[in-house]
């Protein structure tokens, strides 16, 4: 017979005894899926009925819908009470509608002309202001996403996929954007002394962007050595941070991105698909899995 871990055992006992237990994570996942479905529906609506609706009417309707989504959060803020999880995701939906509305309006009316990507900077500012005014980590994540998109598009049309992935400038912009986010985080903690309001959001965004920048350099032959050195440095910092703070996801970042970067380098040096190249990548993956397992067990023992 096998043994149940502590979490599974507690949940099983609760079910057997009909004890009330939390479904918060399930509710949050359902709300997030609902937001994604609504945004998808808006896109389909635009595609199918834009000719009959008209661009100006559609911009106005989206603005009204976004305002309605903001109202529960604004109401809770004015009364000084905590908003519900549903209100939080409704606020996220409103912010996404604002993004869609401004992006569509820019596409239709070309306010910024050739500098169209500047609307992303406006969105980053707007969502950032909303995140601080209403204390929303979800909306702050949209602000940081818009900022990252502005950094990626403003300097050129390269994207992190296909033949454009190895663009040296793309890696530089990703690392620069990560540095800007860390500066923003430092200012936030200095202004709001004693409270890490959005530390987790900043840390995760900055870590991922920095790793993507290192991967981009690893993909470019002229910066491969620099990319590997930066990748290993970031991996060391991420694993050290994760082990010290108990945030296992940073350990996953450090090991996972390192395995991906080394696989990219091997794939360039040893022509793929080939037996030797595939074997080398397989060895990297197996070693990464073993290291992750070891660090997971160590982290579990230290923070038990």
Protein backbone atom coordinates (compact mmCIF):
# COMPACT_ATOMS: atom_id res chain seq x y z
CA UNK A 1 0.00 0.00 0.00
CA UNK A 2 1.13 3.53 -0.75
CA UNK A 3 1.22 6.48 1.61
CA UNK A 4 -0.66 9.77 1.18
CA UNK A 5 1.19 13.03 1.60
CA UNK A 6 -0.02 15.43 4.27
CA UNK A 7 -2.00 17.69 1.94
CA UNK A 8 -3.84 14.83 0.22
CA UNK A 9 -4.58 13.17 3.57
CA UNK A 10 -6.06 16.36 5.04
CA UNK A 11 -8.25 16.90 1.98
CA UNK A 12 -9.43 13.26 1.99
CA UNK A 13 -10.35 13.42 5.67
CA UNK A 14 -12.23 16.68 5.09
CA UNK A 15 -14.23 15.11 2.28
CA UNK A 16 -14.99 12.00 4.33
CA UNK A 17 -16.15 14.02 7.35
CA UNK A 18 -17.94 16.60 5.18
CA UNK A 19 -15.83 19.38 6.62
CA UNK A 20 -15.85 22.71 4.79
CA UNK A 21 -12.65 23.23 2.84
CA UNK A 22 -11.35 25.95 0.52
CA UNK A 23 -12.07 25.97 -3.21
CA UNK A 24 -10.33 29.31 -3.67
CA UNK A 25 -7.83 28.07 -6.25
CA UNK A 26 -10.58 26.37 -8.28
CA UNK A 27 -12.69 29.53 -8.13
CA UNK A 28 -9.77 31.69 -9.21
CA UNK A 29 -9.03 29.38 -12.15
CA UNK A 30 -12.69 29.46 -13.19
CA UNK A 31 -12.78 33.26 -13.00
CA UNK A 32 -9.58 33.56 -15.01
CA UNK A 33 -11.02 31.21 -17.66
CA UNK A 34 -14.20 33.30 -17.72
CA UNK A 35 -12.21 36.47 -18.35
CA UNK A 36 -10.33 34.76 -21.18
CA UNK A 37 -13.59 33.53 -22.73
CA UNK A 38 -15.15 37.01 -22.58
CA UNK A 39 -12.13 38.60 -24.26
CA UNK A 40 -12.22 35.88 -26.94
CA UNK A 41 -15.91 36.59 -27.44
CA UNK A 42 -15.20 40.30 -27.88
CA UNK A 43 -12.68 39.47 -30.59
CA UNK A 44 -15.18 37.27 -32.42
CA UNK A 45 -17.82 39.99 -32.12
CA UNK A 46 -15.49 42.53 -33.71
CA UNK A 47 -14.63 40.18 -36.54
CA UNK A 48 -18.21 39.21 -37.36
CA UNK A 49 -20.13 42.46 -36.83
CA UNK A 50 -17.69 45.36 -37.20
CA UNK A 51 -19.16 46.54 -40.50
CA UNK A 52 -22.62 46.88 -38.97
CA UNK A 53 -21.49 48.29 -35.62
CA UNK A 54 -19.03 50.88 -36.93
CA UNK A 55 -15.62 51.68 -35.40
CA UNK A 56 -16.64 54.72 -33.36
CA UNK A 57 -19.66 52.95 -31.85
CA UNK A 58 -17.54 49.93 -31.01
CA UNK A 59 -14.90 52.09 -29.27
CA UNK A 60 -17.65 53.76 -27.23
CA UNK A 61 -19.33 50.45 -26.29
CA UNK A 62 -16.02 48.93 -25.18
CA UNK A 63 -15.32 51.99 -23.05
CA UNK A 64 -18.73 51.66 -21.37
CA UNK A 65 -18.20 47.95 -20.75
CA UNK A 66 -14.75 48.61 -19.24
CA UNK A 67 -16.22 51.32 -16.98
CA UNK A 68 -18.88 48.92 -15.75
CA UNK A 69 -16.19 46.35 -14.91
CA UNK A 70 -14.27 48.94 -12.87
CA UNK A 71 -17.29 49.96 -10.79
CA UNK A 72 -17.30 47.15 -8.15
CA UNK A 73 -13.61 47.77 -7.39
CA UNK A 74 -14.17 51.54 -7.22
CA UNK A 75 -17.17 51.02 -4.96
CA UNK A 76 -15.18 48.81 -2.59
CA UNK A 77 -12.36 51.36 -2.58
CA UNK A 78 -14.69 54.25 -1.75
CA UNK A 79 -16.20 52.29 1.17
CA UNK A 80 -12.81 51.14 2.43
CA UNK A 81 -13.68 47.44 2.25
CA UNK A 82 -11.87 44.51 0.69
CA UNK A 83 -13.23 43.56 -2.71
CA UNK A 84 -14.24 40.02 -3.55
CA UNK A 85 -12.30 37.67 -5.80
CA UNK A 86 -15.01 38.07 -8.44
CA UNK A 87 -14.61 41.87 -8.32
CA UNK A 88 -10.84 41.46 -8.71
CA UNK A 89 -11.24 39.44 -11.89
CA UNK A 90 -13.94 41.79 -13.12
CA UNK A 91 -11.38 44.57 -12.70
CA UNK A 92 -8.92 42.51 -14.75
CA UNK A 93 -11.56 42.12 -17.46
CA UNK A 94 -12.11 45.88 -17.46
CA UNK A 95 -8.38 46.52 -17.84
CA UNK A 96 -8.20 44.05 -20.73
CA UNK A 97 -11.15 45.77 -22.39
CA UNK A 98 -9.35 49.10 -22.03
CA UNK A 99 -6.29 47.58 -23.71
CA UNK A 100 -8.42 46.18 -26.53
CA UNK A 101 -10.28 49.48 -26.91
CA UNK A 102 -7.17 51.64 -27.12
CA UNK A 103 -5.42 49.18 -29.42
CA UNK A 104 -8.42 49.05 -31.75
CA UNK A 105 -8.79 52.84 -31.74
CA UNK A 106 -5.10 53.25 -32.63
CA UNK A 107 -5.48 50.71 -35.44
CA UNK A 108 -8.48 52.58 -36.85
CA UNK A 109 -7.45 56.21 -36.41
CA UNK A 110 -3.62 56.02 -36.44
CA UNK A 111 -3.19 58.71 -33.78
CA UNK A 112 0.54 58.06 -33.44
CA UNK A 113 1.26 57.26 -37.09
CA UNK A 114 4.50 55.36 -37.52
CA UNK A 115 5.03 55.50 -33.74
CA UNK A 116 1.91 53.41 -33.12
CA UNK A 117 3.61 51.33 -30.42
CA UNK A 118 3.53 54.32 -28.09
CA UNK A 119 -0.03 53.39 -27.17
CA UNK A 120 1.54 50.46 -25.30
CA UNK A 121 3.43 52.93 -23.12
CA UNK A 122 0.16 54.75 -22.44
CA UNK A 123 -1.43 51.44 -21.45
CA UNK A 124 1.51 50.64 -19.15
CA UNK A 125 1.08 54.03 -17.43
CA UNK A 126 -2.70 53.73 -17.19
CA UNK A 127 -2.68 50.18 -15.85
CA UNK A 128 0.15 51.05 -13.46
CA UNK A 129 -1.87 53.97 -12.05
CA UNK A 130 -4.94 51.74 -11.71
CA UNK A 131 -2.93 48.99 -10.00
CA UNK A 132 -1.68 51.41 -7.33
CA UNK A 133 -4.98 53.21 -6.92
CA UNK A 134 -6.91 49.97 -6.46
CA UNK A 135 -4.07 47.77 -5.18
CA UNK A 136 -4.38 45.09 -7.86
CA UNK A 137 -1.57 42.68 -8.67
CA UNK A 138 -3.48 41.43 -11.72
CA UNK A 139 -3.72 44.90 -13.25
CA UNK A 140 -0.06 45.55 -12.43
CA UNK A 141 0.80 42.43 -14.41
CA UNK A 142 -0.98 44.00 -17.40
CA UNK A 143 1.04 47.20 -16.90
CA UNK A 144 4.30 45.24 -16.92
CA UNK A 145 3.17 43.22 -19.94
CA UNK A 146 2.43 46.44 -21.85
CA UNK A 147 5.81 47.85 -20.81
CA UNK A 148 7.60 44.71 -22.01
CA UNK A 149 5.69 44.82 -25.30
CA UNK A 150 6.69 48.46 -25.78
CA UNK A 151 10.35 47.63 -25.19
CA UNK A 152 10.14 44.74 -27.66
CA UNK A 153 8.36 46.62 -30.44
CA UNK A 154 9.73 50.16 -30.12
CA UNK A 155 13.26 49.10 -31.12
CA UNK A 156 12.23 47.05 -34.14
CA UNK A 157 9.93 44.36 -35.42
CA UNK A 158 11.84 41.35 -34.06
CA UNK A 159 9.93 38.84 -32.00
CA UNK A 160 11.05 36.01 -29.79
CA UNK A 161 10.37 33.21 -32.22
CA UNK A 162 11.55 31.80 -35.49
CA UNK A 163 14.55 33.31 -37.23
CA UNK A 164 14.12 36.58 -35.30
CA UNK A 165 14.78 34.95 -31.94
CA UNK A 166 18.54 35.34 -32.29
CA UNK A 167 18.38 39.13 -32.72
CA UNK A 168 21.07 40.62 -30.42
CA UNK A 169 19.04 43.80 -29.92
CA UNK A 170 16.10 41.78 -28.68
CA UNK A 171 18.15 40.32 -25.84
CA UNK A 172 19.44 43.77 -24.90
CA UNK A 173 15.92 45.20 -24.78
CA UNK A 174 14.66 42.29 -22.67
CA UNK A 175 17.48 42.72 -20.14
CA UNK A 176 16.99 46.50 -20.13
CA UNK A 177 13.26 46.08 -19.53
CA UNK A 178 14.00 43.69 -16.65
CA UNK A 179 16.36 46.29 -15.16
CA UNK A 180 13.67 48.99 -15.45
CA UNK A 181 11.20 46.72 -13.64
CA UNK A 182 13.69 46.11 -10.83
CA UNK A 183 14.24 49.87 -10.53
CA UNK A 184 10.46 50.34 -10.37
CA UNK A 185 10.34 47.66 -7.65
CA UNK A 186 13.08 49.40 -5.66
CA UNK A 187 11.26 52.75 -5.87
CA UNK A 188 8.01 51.08 -4.82
CA UNK A 189 9.62 49.53 -1.74
CA UNK A 190 11.35 52.80 -0.85
CA UNK A 191 8.15 54.83 -1.10
CA UNK A 192 6.04 52.23 0.69
CA UNK A 193 8.44 51.48 3.54
CA UNK A 194 7.71 48.30 5.46
CA UNK A 195 5.49 46.73 2.84
CA UNK A 196 6.38 44.80 -0.29
CA UNK A 197 3.22 45.75 -2.15
CA UNK A 198 3.99 44.18 -5.49
CA UNK A 199 7.37 42.52 -4.92
CA UNK A 200 6.31 39.11 -6.23
CA UNK A 201 4.89 40.51 -9.46
CA UNK A 202 8.01 42.56 -10.19
CA UNK A 203 10.34 39.69 -9.34
CA UNK A 204 8.63 37.16 -11.59
CA UNK A 205 8.38 39.51 -14.56
CA UNK A 206 11.96 40.72 -14.23
CA UNK A 207 13.31 37.18 -13.85
CA UNK A 208 11.53 35.87 -16.92
CA UNK A 209 12.51 38.84 -19.08
CA UNK A 210 16.15 38.64 -18.03
CA UNK A 211 16.25 34.93 -18.80
CA UNK A 212 14.63 35.50 -22.20
CA UNK A 213 17.27 38.12 -22.95
CA UNK A 214 20.02 35.65 -22.05
CA UNK A 215 18.39 32.98 -24.22
CA UNK A 216 18.29 35.43 -27.12
CA UNK A 217 22.03 36.03 -26.77
CA UNK A 218 22.64 32.27 -26.53
CA UNK A 219 20.86 31.94 -29.87
CA UNK A 220 23.18 34.46 -31.54
CA UNK A 221 26.61 33.18 -32.53
CA UNK A 222 28.35 36.51 -31.92
CA UNK A 223 27.04 36.78 -28.33
CA UNK A 224 26.82 33.13 -27.40
CA UNK A 225 29.56 33.23 -24.78
CA UNK A 226 28.11 36.33 -23.14
CA UNK A 227 24.67 34.75 -23.25
CA UNK A 228 25.86 31.58 -21.51
CA UNK A 229 27.68 33.57 -18.81
CA UNK A 230 24.64 35.77 -18.19
CA UNK A 231 22.37 32.73 -18.20
CA UNK A 232 24.48 30.91 -15.60
CA UNK A 233 24.71 34.05 -13.44
CA UNK A 234 20.95 34.54 -13.55
CA UNK A 235 20.41 30.85 -12.81
CA UNK A 236 22.65 31.04 -9.74
CA UNK A 237 20.83 34.16 -8.50
CA UNK A 238 17.39 32.64 -9.12
CA UNK A 239 18.17 29.33 -7.40
CA UNK A 240 19.80 31.14 -4.46
CA UNK A 241 16.77 33.43 -4.12
CA UNK A 242 14.36 30.52 -4.32
CA UNK A 243 16.22 28.41 -1.76
CA UNK A 244 16.56 31.29 0.71
CA UNK A 245 12.99 32.53 0.46
CA UNK A 246 11.22 29.22 -0.10
CA UNK A 247 9.89 30.37 -3.48
CA UNK A 248 10.32 27.18 -5.46
CA UNK A 249 9.29 28.73 -8.76
CA UNK A 250 12.55 30.69 -8.87
CA UNK A 251 14.43 27.41 -8.53
CA UNK A 252 12.45 26.14 -11.51
CA UNK A 253 13.37 29.29 -13.44
CA UNK A 254 17.07 28.82 -12.72
CA UNK A 255 17.25 25.15 -13.65
CA UNK A 256 14.69 25.19 -16.46
CA UNK A 257 16.01 28.21 -18.35
CA UNK A 258 19.57 26.94 -18.01
CA UNK A 259 18.58 23.59 -19.52
CA UNK A 260 16.78 25.39 -22.34
CA UNK A 261 19.72 27.71 -23.04
CA UNK A 262 22.25 24.86 -23.10
CA UNK A 263 19.95 22.87 -25.39
CA UNK A 264 19.77 25.84 -27.77
CA UNK A 265 23.56 26.10 -27.84
CA UNK A 266 23.95 22.36 -28.39
CA UNK A 267 21.37 22.50 -31.16
CA UNK A 268 23.42 25.15 -32.94
CA UNK A 269 26.81 23.51 -32.48
CA UNK A 270 25.63 19.97 -33.23
CA UNK A 271 23.30 19.94 -36.22
CA UNK A 272 19.81 18.77 -35.27
CA UNK A 273 18.16 16.41 -35.81
CA UNK A 274 21.09 14.06 -35.27
CA UNK A 275 21.71 11.19 -32.89
CA UNK A 276 24.55 12.95 -31.06
CA UNK A 277 22.63 16.22 -30.79
CA UNK A 278 19.46 14.53 -29.55
CA UNK A 279 21.47 12.50 -27.05
CA UNK A 280 23.18 15.64 -25.72
CA UNK A 281 19.85 17.43 -25.28
CA UNK A 282 18.39 14.36 -23.57
CA UNK A 283 21.31 14.28 -21.12
CA UNK A 284 20.79 17.99 -20.34
CA UNK A 285 17.08 17.43 -19.69
CA UNK A 286 17.73 14.41 -17.44
CA UNK A 287 20.37 16.27 -15.44
CA UNK A 288 18.02 19.25 -15.06
CA UNK A 289 15.22 16.97 -13.85
CA UNK A 290 17.55 15.34 -11.31
CA UNK A 291 18.79 18.71 -10.05
CA UNK A 292 15.23 19.98 -9.73
CA UNK A 293 14.23 16.91 -7.76
CA UNK A 294 17.19 17.28 -5.41
CA UNK A 295 16.54 20.99 -4.83
CA UNK A 296 12.83 20.34 -4.32
CA UNK A 297 13.57 17.78 -1.59
CA UNK A 298 16.13 20.07 0.01
CA UNK A 299 13.73 23.02 -0.05
CA UNK A 300 10.97 20.91 1.44
CA UNK A 301 13.23 19.79 4.30
CA UNK A 302 14.47 23.32 5.06
CA UNK A 303 11.03 24.93 5.14
CA UNK A 304 9.09 22.10 6.77
